[in-house]
Amino acid sequence: MTSRLRRVALLTLALLTVFTIAAGAAVAHLLPARLALWQLPRVAGHSLAAARPVLAAAGNPLGEPVTPGGLAARLSGTLGLPALGAHVAAVVANLSTGQVLFARNGSSPFAPASTAKLATAAAALDVLGPAARLSTRVVAGASSSIILVGGGDPTLAAARPPAADYPQPATLASLAAKTARALRARHRRSVRLGYDTSLYTGPLLPPSWPSSYVSTGNVSPITALEVDQGRLTLSGAPQDADDPGNLRPRSLTPAADAAAAFGSFLASDGIRVLGAPRPAVAPSGSVTIARVVSPPLAEIVQWMLIESNNVIAENLARQVAIATRRPASFTGAAAAVAATDRRLGVRGVHLVDGSGLSPDDRITPRALVQLIILAARPDDPRLRPVITGLPVAGFAGTLAPGGSVFGATGPPALGLVRAKTGNLNSVAALAGVAYAGNGQLLGFAFMADQVPKNGLIPAGGAIAELATELAGCGCR
């Protein structure tokens, strides 16, 4: 039997060999003669043109270093375009050494728009640390009550967001499930629910913000307890998805909405909520029944920068205020961010909020570049999420195609410029990092805050062109 199987196997193999040779001959016959002449690879007998390396280490440029004169020749024409208005600035520095290579109006204060988030991000990472997490708790109240205590987690969601969202936030649904288990263990099936927003003080909206900011989906009232950054579905429910493209009006009562959602989750978990949730202040020393925690601060900062998230920025500024023992209000938060940046050696930051939404904010282009340089330092990685969270030209965040008025960067910038965008009605600003054509890493800030009326799109295009010129720059 074994001998017979061996003969069958050999016959099959022989037939396969004959078939393969015949098929190869047929295909070779069909191919053009030049393609049929397959040969083994050979080493060329003469020298070939050398290819440039694609990447180089920071501080070790591939070509001659960028020079001030070269930068001036490259950038001056675009800086003088009428689309940018009468108040325009540019600062470019060697990211490795910190040397300023080009400066025009570098020490002049400008309305920064959302480039102010760089100042908030650096301050939060410095004071709190990249591993910090923010908690939302449920504590025992008086009699049969429990209190939902806002901890200022701006990423808190109501129910489970899509699995593709990154980072995955803490949820009220999870907090309710933990709370229900703890209550059942105490043989409690019904509670009264309060909610505590006392971590923050002052108004929920500053006087310098137009009311349209909420109705156009830019921001919600800032409170220590809210879900989904106040974003709502068409039905008025929390959106439960990270959707920066949702420009529907946001919740005007985010804390009450969060408490109502929490009460619904408790009911689904078998705990009856008696009456409507009411504002409350947790007594000092209250026993914690359950808690959930946010993603690490490093991930929150990256989330804020990549999509220019105003709610996250304002909450992080208040966390800086709390950590530095200032009032957790708009005024206290802005002062805390500016003071922290000064302690880091950055001058020229004067804010009235943490997001840059206020037209009264002022930052110098030199200060923005100093923040970028600090974040890129190889000996202190605490601020590195300021760099890694920046939008990427042509690919990610507000520098993706259609992501903002700056989305039309040219081919030299694609993937090689990472920068924070900022725009208000008459403001266009961009600050970040460019990998120049000679291999050198450059930190930059381009700012214009007197953009002609209805001219934001041309101004954004001009600043995108400046970033493109910098990325394509040999500039010797």
Protein backbone atom coordinates (compact mmCIF):
# COMPACT_ATOMS: atom_id res chain seq x y z
CA MET A 1 0.00 0.00 0.00
CA THR A 2 2.81 2.35 0.94
CA SER A 3 4.66 1.61 -2.34
CA ARG A 4 1.51 2.33 -4.35
CA LEU A 5 0.99 5.71 -2.60
CA ARG A 6 4.62 6.61 -3.30
CA ARG A 7 4.18 5.86 -7.04
CA VAL A 8 0.99 7.96 -7.17
CA ALA A 9 2.71 10.87 -5.42
CA LEU A 10 5.70 10.76 -7.80
CA LEU A 11 3.41 10.61 -10.84
CA THR A 12 1.41 13.60 -9.56
CA LEU A 13 4.57 15.61 -8.94
CA ALA A 14 5.86 14.82 -12.43
CA LEU A 15 2.60 15.94 -14.02
CA LEU A 16 2.69 19.21 -12.01
CA THR A 17 6.26 19.85 -13.14
CA VAL A 18 5.40 19.31 -16.80
CA PHE A 19 2.34 21.56 -16.47
CA THR A 20 4.37 24.35 -14.81
CA ILE A 21 7.08 24.27 -17.51
CA ALA A 22 4.46 24.32 -20.27
CA ALA A 23 2.56 27.20 -18.67
CA GLY A 24 5.76 29.18 -18.19
CA ALA A 25 6.70 28.69 -21.82
CA ALA A 26 3.24 29.80 -22.94
CA VAL A 27 3.35 32.95 -20.82
CA ALA A 28 6.86 33.79 -21.98
CA HIS A 29 5.69 33.42 -25.58
CA LEU A 30 2.88 35.88 -24.94
CA LEU A 31 5.09 38.50 -23.26
CA PRO A 32 6.89 41.21 -25.23
CA ALA A 33 10.43 40.11 -25.93
CA ARG A 34 12.08 42.69 -23.62
CA LEU A 35 9.98 41.57 -20.62
CA ALA A 36 10.62 37.92 -21.32
CA LEU A 37 14.37 38.40 -20.85
CA TRP A 38 14.32 37.92 -17.09
CA GLN A 39 17.78 37.99 -15.57
CA LEU A 40 19.23 37.65 -12.10
CA PRO A 41 19.98 40.98 -10.37
CA ARG A 42 23.51 42.26 -10.97
CA VAL A 43 25.57 44.97 -9.28
CA ALA A 44 26.13 47.92 -11.58
CA GLY A 45 29.68 48.18 -12.88
CA HIS A 46 29.71 51.98 -12.68
CA SER A 47 28.85 54.54 -10.01
CA LEU A 48 25.24 55.65 -9.63
CA ALA A 49 23.83 59.04 -8.60
CA ALA A 50 23.65 59.13 -4.81
CA ALA A 51 20.17 59.48 -3.30
CA ARG A 52 19.66 61.97 -0.47
CA PRO A 53 18.72 60.46 2.89
CA VAL A 54 15.04 60.93 3.64
CA LEU A 55 15.38 61.72 7.34
CA ALA A 56 18.02 63.24 9.56
CA ALA A 57 18.33 63.69 13.28
CA ALA A 58 17.26 67.02 14.73
CA GLY A 59 20.20 69.38 14.84
CA ASN A 60 22.05 67.53 12.07
CA PRO A 61 20.74 69.04 8.83
CA LEU A 62 21.34 67.27 5.56
CA GLY A 63 22.36 70.40 3.67
CA GLU A 64 23.64 73.84 4.44
CA PRO A 65 21.84 75.47 7.38
CA VAL A 66 18.93 77.80 6.82
CA THR A 67 20.11 81.41 6.96
CA PRO A 68 18.31 84.62 7.99
CA GLY A 69 18.88 86.08 4.54
CA GLY A 70 17.51 83.01 2.84
CA LEU A 71 14.40 83.04 5.02
CA ALA A 72 13.83 86.74 4.39
CA ALA A 73 14.03 86.21 0.65
CA ARG A 74 11.68 83.25 0.84
CA LEU A 75 8.99 84.69 3.14
CA SER A 76 8.91 88.44 2.60
CA GLY A 77 6.78 88.41 -0.51
CA THR A 78 3.95 86.40 1.02
CA LEU A 79 4.14 88.35 4.30
CA GLY A 80 3.41 91.50 2.30
CA LEU A 81 0.23 90.21 0.67
CA PRO A 82 -2.79 92.52 1.18
CA ALA A 83 -4.86 89.50 2.23
CA LEU A 84 -3.01 89.45 5.56
CA GLY A 85 -3.87 93.03 6.47
CA ALA A 86 -1.73 95.68 8.11
CA HIS A 87 -0.61 93.85 11.28
CA VAL A 88 1.43 90.79 10.33
CA ALA A 89 4.22 88.93 12.10
CA ALA A 90 6.53 85.98 11.59
CA VAL A 91 9.13 84.31 13.78
CA VAL A 92 11.21 81.31 12.69
CA ALA A 93 13.78 79.61 14.94
CA ASN A 94 16.15 76.67 14.85
CA LEU A 95 14.26 74.11 16.91
CA SER A 96 17.42 72.47 18.21
CA THR A 97 19.35 75.54 19.34
CA GLY A 98 16.55 78.02 19.89
CA GLN A 99 18.30 80.58 17.69
CA VAL A 100 15.84 82.98 16.04
CA LEU A 101 16.57 82.99 12.31
CA PHE A 102 13.88 85.38 11.16
CA ALA A 103 11.65 87.82 13.01
CA ARG A 104 9.19 90.44 11.87
CA ASN A 105 7.09 92.08 14.60
CA GLY A 106 8.06 89.14 16.79
CA SER A 107 7.56 91.00 20.08
CA SER A 108 4.30 92.68 19.07
CA PRO A 109 1.17 91.42 20.88
CA PHE A 110 -1.36 89.75 18.58
CA ALA A 111 -4.80 88.26 19.10
CA PRO A 112 -3.80 84.57 19.00
CA ALA A 113 -7.17 82.89 18.46
CA SER A 114 -6.73 79.16 19.10
CA THR A 115 -2.93 79.24 19.03
CA ALA A 116 -3.47 80.31 22.67
CA LYS A 117 -4.14 76.64 23.36
CA LEU A 118 -0.37 76.08 23.12
CA ALA A 119 0.06 78.26 26.22
CA THR A 120 -2.70 76.38 28.06
CA ALA A 121 -1.34 72.97 27.05
CA ALA A 122 2.20 73.75 28.20
CA ALA A 123 0.99 75.16 31.52
CA ALA A 124 -1.25 72.16 32.24
CA LEU A 125 1.45 69.62 31.41
CA ASP A 126 4.00 71.46 33.53
CA VAL A 127 1.79 71.91 36.61
CA LEU A 128 -0.20 68.66 36.55
CA GLY A 129 2.14 66.30 34.70
CA PRO A 130 1.34 64.24 31.59
CA ALA A 131 0.08 61.26 33.63
CA ALA A 132 -2.52 63.22 35.63
CA ARG A 133 -6.14 62.07 35.47
CA LEU A 134 -9.34 63.89 36.40
CA SER A 135 -12.04 62.11 38.39
CA THR A 136 -15.83 62.30 38.57
CA ARG A 137 -17.29 60.96 41.82
CA VAL A 138 -20.49 59.99 43.51
CA VAL A 139 -20.52 60.65 47.25
CA ALA A 140 -22.97 60.01 50.05
CA GLY A 141 -25.16 62.97 50.92
CA ALA A 142 -27.55 63.65 53.73
CA SER A 143 -30.27 61.12 54.53
CA SER A 144 -31.07 59.01 51.45
CA SER A 145 -29.28 61.23 48.91
CA ILE A 146 -26.22 60.83 46.76
CA ILE A 147 -24.32 63.62 45.02
CA LEU A 148 -22.69 63.52 41.60
CA VAL A 149 -19.54 65.64 41.97
CA GLY A 150 -18.00 67.23 38.88
CA GLY A 151 -14.22 67.08 38.79
CA GLY A 152 -13.72 69.15 35.67
CA ASP A 153 -13.16 66.21 33.31
CA PRO A 154 -13.85 67.77 29.89
CA THR A 155 -13.77 64.40 28.15
CA LEU A 156 -16.50 62.78 30.25
CA ALA A 157 -19.17 61.10 28.10
CA ALA A 158 -22.70 60.00 28.94
CA ALA A 159 -22.97 56.51 27.44
CA ARG A 160 -20.32 54.52 25.58
CA PRO A 161 -18.74 56.41 22.63
CA PRO A 162 -17.82 54.57 19.41
CA ALA A 163 -14.94 52.15 19.89
CA ALA A 164 -12.97 54.01 17.22
CA ASP A 165 -12.86 57.22 19.28
CA TYR A 166 -9.47 57.84 20.85
CA PRO A 167 -8.84 58.26 23.66
CA GLN A 168 -11.78 56.45 25.22
CA PRO A 169 -13.28 58.71 27.90
CA ALA A 170 -14.82 57.87 31.25
CA THR A 171 -18.63 57.59 31.09
CA LEU A 172 -21.58 58.32 33.33
CA ALA A 173 -22.99 54.93 32.33
CA SER A 174 -19.98 53.23 33.93
CA LEU A 175 -20.19 55.47 36.99
CA ALA A 176 -23.89 54.68 37.38
CA ALA A 177 -23.22 50.93 37.17
CA LYS A 178 -20.58 51.18 39.90
CA THR A 179 -22.87 53.34 42.02
CA ALA A 180 -25.78 50.92 41.64
CA ARG A 181 -23.64 47.98 42.73
CA ALA A 182 -22.49 49.89 45.81
CA LEU A 183 -26.04 50.94 46.71
CA ARG A 184 -27.41 47.42 46.30
CA ALA A 185 -24.65 46.16 48.56
CA ARG A 186 -26.08 48.55 51.17
CA HIS A 187 -29.62 47.30 50.45
CA ARG A 188 -30.68 50.60 48.94
CA ARG A 189 -32.99 50.67 45.93
CA SER A 190 -33.94 54.35 45.79
CA VAL A 191 -32.08 57.66 46.27
CA ARG A 192 -32.39 61.37 45.87
CA LEU A 193 -29.81 62.80 43.48
CA GLY A 194 -27.89 66.05 43.74
CA TYR A 195 -25.11 67.37 41.54
CA ASP A 196 -22.14 69.48 42.62
CA THR A 197 -20.37 71.97 40.30
CA SER A 198 -18.65 73.95 43.06
CA LEU A 199 -15.12 73.12 41.86
CA TYR A 200 -15.33 76.13 39.52
CA THR A 201 -16.33 79.69 40.35
CA GLY A 202 -17.44 82.75 38.42
CA PRO A 203 -19.62 83.06 35.32
CA LEU A 204 -20.15 80.13 32.95
CA LEU A 205 -19.48 82.40 29.95
CA PRO A 206 -17.16 85.44 29.93
CA PRO A 207 -18.43 88.84 28.74
CA SER A 208 -15.88 88.89 25.89
CA TRP A 209 -17.48 85.87 24.19
CA PRO A 210 -20.31 86.52 21.73
CA SER A 211 -23.43 84.49 22.53
CA SER A 212 -23.12 82.96 19.05
CA TYR A 213 -20.20 80.84 20.26
CA VAL A 214 -22.68 78.47 21.95
CA SER A 215 -25.35 78.57 19.26
CA THR A 216 -22.83 77.79 16.49
CA GLY A 217 -21.35 74.80 18.31
CA ASN A 218 -17.96 76.30 19.21
CA VAL A 219 -18.21 75.89 22.98
CA SER A 220 -20.62 75.21 25.84
CA PRO A 221 -20.91 77.05 29.16
CA ILE A 222 -17.90 76.05 31.25
CA THR A 223 -18.79 74.01 34.31
CA ALA A 224 -17.09 71.32 36.36
CA LEU A 225 -19.74 68.78 35.35
CA GLU A 226 -20.79 68.15 31.77
CA VAL A 227 -20.80 65.36 29.20
CA ASP A 228 -19.72 65.22 25.56
CA GLN A 229 -18.55 68.86 25.79
CA GLY A 230 -22.19 69.89 25.60
CA ARG A 231 -22.62 68.47 22.09
CA LEU A 232 -26.16 67.34 21.35
CA THR A 233 -27.91 65.17 18.81
CA LEU A 234 -30.87 66.44 16.80
CA SER A 235 -33.16 65.07 19.53
CA GLY A 236 -31.32 67.07 22.21
CA ALA A 237 -29.59 64.08 23.82
CA PRO A 238 -25.84 63.99 24.58
CA GLN A 239 -24.06 63.03 21.39
CA ASP A 240 -21.72 60.39 22.85
CA ALA A 241 -19.21 60.75 20.02
CA ASP A 242 -16.16 62.93 19.45
CA ASP A 243 -17.55 64.95 16.56
CA PRO A 244 -15.84 68.33 16.01
CA GLY A 245 -17.99 68.74 12.92
CA ASN A 246 -21.16 68.96 15.00
CA LEU A 247 -21.99 72.67 14.70
CA ARG A 248 -25.46 72.43 16.22
CA PRO A 249 -26.15 74.63 19.26
CA ARG A 250 -24.65 73.14 22.41
CA SER A 251 -26.35 72.63 25.73
CA LEU A 252 -27.01 75.78 27.76
CA THR A 253 -27.43 73.67 30.91
CA PRO A 254 -24.66 71.07 30.69
CA ALA A 255 -24.50 70.21 34.41
CA ALA A 256 -28.24 69.62 34.70
CA ASP A 257 -28.17 67.57 31.50
CA ALA A 258 -25.34 65.42 32.88
CA ALA A 259 -27.22 64.84 36.15
CA ALA A 260 -30.39 63.89 34.28
CA ALA A 261 -28.45 61.40 32.14
CA PHE A 262 -26.85 59.93 35.25
CA GLY A 263 -30.26 59.51 36.86
CA SER A 264 -31.50 57.64 33.78
CA PHE A 265 -28.54 55.28 33.91
CA LEU A 266 -29.17 54.62 37.60
CA ALA A 267 -32.80 53.75 36.82
CA SER A 268 -31.65 51.32 34.12
CA ASP A 269 -29.41 49.71 36.74
CA GLY A 270 -32.30 49.19 39.14
CA ILE A 271 -31.93 52.28 41.35
CA ARG A 272 -34.97 54.54 41.51
CA VAL A 273 -34.26 58.29 41.61
CA LEU A 274 -36.79 60.16 43.72
CA GLY A 275 -37.67 63.49 42.15
CA ALA A 276 -35.55 65.56 39.79
CA PRO A 277 -31.78 66.00 40.32
CA ARG A 278 -30.99 69.24 42.16
CA PRO A 279 -27.87 71.38 42.59
CA ALA A 280 -26.01 70.56 45.80
CA VAL A 281 -22.62 70.88 47.47
CA ALA A 282 -21.03 67.72 48.78
CA PRO A 283 -20.31 67.98 52.51
CA SER A 284 -16.65 68.08 53.48
CA GLY A 285 -15.32 64.58 54.08
CA SER A 286 -18.15 62.88 52.21
CA VAL A 287 -17.69 59.16 51.64
CA THR A 288 -16.99 58.31 48.01
CA ILE A 289 -19.35 55.64 46.71
CA ALA A 290 -17.95 55.33 43.17
CA ARG A 291 -15.66 57.16 40.77
CA VAL A 292 -14.41 57.13 37.19
CA VAL A 293 -11.25 58.74 35.86
CA SER A 294 -10.29 60.47 32.62
CA PRO A 295 -7.61 59.42 30.15
CA PRO A 296 -4.10 60.69 31.03
CA LEU A 297 -3.55 64.42 30.60
CA ALA A 298 -1.09 63.82 27.76
CA GLU A 299 -3.90 62.25 25.71
CA ILE A 300 -6.35 64.99 26.66
CA VAL A 301 -3.88 67.66 25.52
CA GLN A 302 -3.42 65.90 22.20
CA TRP A 303 -7.21 65.66 21.81
CA MET A 304 -7.54 69.38 22.52
CA LEU A 305 -4.86 70.44 20.04
CA ILE A 306 -5.67 68.17 17.11
CA GLU A 307 -9.28 69.35 16.89
CA SER A 308 -8.89 72.75 18.61
CA ASN A 309 -11.33 71.80 21.36
CA ASN A 310 -12.39 74.92 23.27
CA VAL A 311 -14.18 73.14 26.13
CA ILE A 312 -11.12 71.03 26.91
CA ALA A 313 -8.90 74.12 26.83
CA GLU A 314 -11.06 76.05 29.28
CA ASN A 315 -11.23 73.12 31.69
CA LEU A 316 -7.48 72.55 31.58
CA ALA A 317 -6.87 76.24 32.31
CA ARG A 318 -9.05 75.91 35.40
CA GLN A 319 -7.12 72.84 36.51
CA VAL A 320 -3.95 74.95 36.30
CA ALA A 321 -5.67 77.58 38.48
CA ILE A 322 -6.67 74.99 41.08
CA ALA A 323 -3.18 73.48 41.15
CA THR A 324 -1.60 76.91 41.64
CA ARG A 325 -4.19 78.00 44.24
CA ARG A 326 -6.02 80.56 42.17
CA PRO A 327 -9.78 80.92 41.67
CA ALA A 328 -11.05 78.41 39.12
CA SER A 329 -12.75 81.12 37.06
CA PHE A 330 -12.04 82.60 33.64
CA THR A 331 -9.92 85.32 35.23
CA GLY A 332 -8.11 83.02 37.64
CA ALA A 333 -7.48 80.37 34.99
CA ALA A 334 -6.07 82.87 32.47
CA ALA A 335 -3.80 84.37 35.12
CA ALA A 336 -2.61 80.91 36.18
CA VAL A 337 -1.71 79.89 32.61
CA ALA A 338 0.20 83.14 31.97
CA ALA A 339 2.05 82.89 35.30
CA THR A 340 3.04 79.27 34.66
CA ASP A 341 4.32 80.13 31.20
CA ARG A 342 6.37 83.01 32.65
CA ARG A 343 7.89 80.63 35.17
CA LEU A 344 8.88 78.43 32.22
CA GLY A 345 10.67 81.43 30.72
CA VAL A 346 7.99 82.43 28.20
CA ARG A 347 7.14 86.14 28.17
CA GLY A 348 4.42 87.81 26.15
CA VAL A 349 1.34 85.76 27.15
CA HIS A 350 -1.66 87.87 28.26
CA LEU A 351 -4.96 85.98 28.34
CA VAL A 352 -8.53 86.44 29.51
CA ASP A 353 -9.55 82.83 28.78
CA GLY A 354 -7.84 79.49 28.18
CA SER A 355 -8.94 78.75 24.63
CA GLY A 356 -8.20 81.90 22.63
CA LEU A 357 -11.86 82.48 21.84
CA SER A 358 -11.74 85.97 23.32
CA PRO A 359 -10.73 88.79 20.96
CA ASP A 360 -9.09 90.39 24.03
CA ASP A 361 -6.37 87.69 24.34
CA ARG A 362 -2.84 88.71 23.33
CA ILE A 363 0.29 86.62 22.68
CA THR A 364 3.47 87.57 20.88
CA PRO A 365 4.73 85.39 18.00
CA ARG A 366 8.02 85.03 19.86
CA ALA A 367 6.17 83.58 22.86
CA LEU A 368 4.48 80.96 20.67
CA VAL A 369 7.83 79.91 19.24
CA GLN A 370 9.33 79.75 22.73
CA LEU A 371 6.53 77.36 23.76
CA ILE A 372 7.27 75.15 20.75
CA ILE A 373 10.99 75.13 21.56
CA LEU A 374 10.30 74.16 25.19
CA ALA A 375 8.04 71.31 24.10
CA ALA A 376 10.71 69.97 21.74
CA ARG A 377 13.51 69.86 24.32
CA PRO A 378 15.06 66.37 24.34
CA ASP A 379 16.05 66.61 28.01
CA ASP A 380 12.52 67.28 29.34
CA PRO A 381 9.75 65.26 27.66
CA ARG A 382 6.95 66.43 29.97
CA LEU A 383 5.74 68.99 27.43
CA ARG A 384 6.17 66.74 24.39
CA PRO A 385 2.39 66.23 23.87
CA VAL A 386 2.33 69.88 22.76
CA ILE A 387 4.27 68.69 19.68
CA THR A 388 2.71 65.26 19.19
CA GLY A 389 -0.80 66.71 19.46
CA LEU A 390 -0.36 69.25 16.68
CA PRO A 391 -2.42 68.86 13.50
CA VAL A 392 -0.49 67.47 10.52
CA ALA A 393 -0.58 69.34 7.21
CA GLY A 394 -2.65 67.46 4.66
CA PHE A 395 -3.55 64.62 7.00
CA ALA A 396 -4.90 65.30 10.50
CA GLY A 397 -7.00 67.66 12.54
CA THR A 398 -7.50 71.28 11.56
CA LEU A 399 -4.70 71.02 8.97
CA ALA A 400 -6.40 68.20 7.10
CA PRO A 401 -7.97 69.17 3.78
CA GLY A 402 -11.11 71.13 4.60
CA GLY A 403 -10.28 71.10 8.31
CA SER A 404 -9.87 74.87 8.50
CA VAL A 405 -9.01 77.92 6.43
CA PHE A 406 -5.39 76.71 6.59
CA GLY A 407 -6.04 73.30 5.02
CA ALA A 408 -4.68 74.13 1.56
CA THR A 409 -0.97 73.69 2.24
CA GLY A 410 1.14 72.83 -0.79
CA PRO A 411 2.93 69.51 -1.47
CA PRO A 412 6.20 70.46 0.29
CA ALA A 413 4.31 70.85 3.58
CA LEU A 414 2.31 67.62 3.45
CA GLY A 415 3.25 65.55 6.49
CA LEU A 416 6.21 67.83 7.20
CA VAL A 417 4.40 70.69 8.93
CA ARG A 418 2.69 70.20 12.30
CA ALA A 419 1.02 73.32 13.64
CA LYS A 420 -1.74 74.74 15.80
CA THR A 421 -4.27 76.74 13.84
CA GLY A 422 -6.11 79.80 15.08
CA ASN A 423 -8.75 81.97 13.49
CA LEU A 424 -11.41 84.47 14.49
CA ASN A 425 -13.28 86.87 12.20
CA SER A 426 -10.22 89.08 11.64
CA VAL A 427 -7.48 86.78 12.96
CA ALA A 428 -5.42 84.12 11.22
CA ALA A 429 -2.51 82.45 13.02
CA LEU A 430 -0.42 79.31 12.69
CA ALA A 431 2.36 78.10 15.01
CA GLY A 432 4.27 74.86 15.06
CA VAL A 433 7.10 72.86 13.52
CA ALA A 434 8.32 72.53 9.95
CA TYR A 435 10.82 70.03 8.55
CA ALA A 436 12.64 72.19 6.01
CA GLY A 437 13.86 71.06 2.61
CA ASN A 438 17.47 70.87 3.83
CA GLY A 439 16.51 68.60 6.73
CA GLN A 440 16.50 71.24 9.43
CA LEU A 441 13.73 71.37 12.06
CA LEU A 442 12.25 74.83 12.46
CA GLY A 443 9.81 76.27 14.97
CA PHE A 444 7.60 79.03 13.60
CA ALA A 445 4.70 81.38 14.22
CA PHE A 446 2.82 83.37 11.57
CA MET A 447 0.16 85.81 12.81
CA ALA A 448 -2.21 88.39 11.35
CA ASP A 449 -4.95 90.02 13.42
CA GLN A 450 -6.20 92.80 11.14
CA VAL A 451 -7.44 90.61 8.33
CA PRO A 452 -9.71 92.55 5.93
CA LYS A 453 -13.45 92.07 6.39
CA ASN A 454 -14.70 88.79 4.92
CA GLY A 455 -11.12 87.96 4.01
CA LEU A 456 -10.40 85.07 6.35
CA ILE A 457 -10.17 82.42 3.64
CA PRO A 458 -7.58 84.33 1.55
CA ALA A 459 -5.65 85.15 4.74
CA GLY A 460 -5.66 81.49 5.78
CA GLY A 461 -4.43 80.56 2.32
CA ALA A 462 -1.58 83.07 2.57
CA ILE A 463 -0.47 81.70 5.94
CA ALA A 464 -0.72 78.15 4.61
CA GLU A 465 1.55 79.29 1.77
CA LEU A 466 4.07 80.63 4.33
CA ALA A 467 4.15 77.22 6.00
CA THR A 468 4.59 75.56 2.60
CA GLU A 469 7.47 77.88 1.73
CA LEU A 470 9.13 77.12 5.03
CA ALA A 471 8.83 73.35 4.53
CA GLY A 472 10.29 73.60 1.02
CA CYS A 473 13.03 75.91 2.15
CA GLY A 474 16.76 75.36 1.61
CA CYS A 475 17.00 79.10 2.27
CA ARG A 476 20.75 79.58 2.19
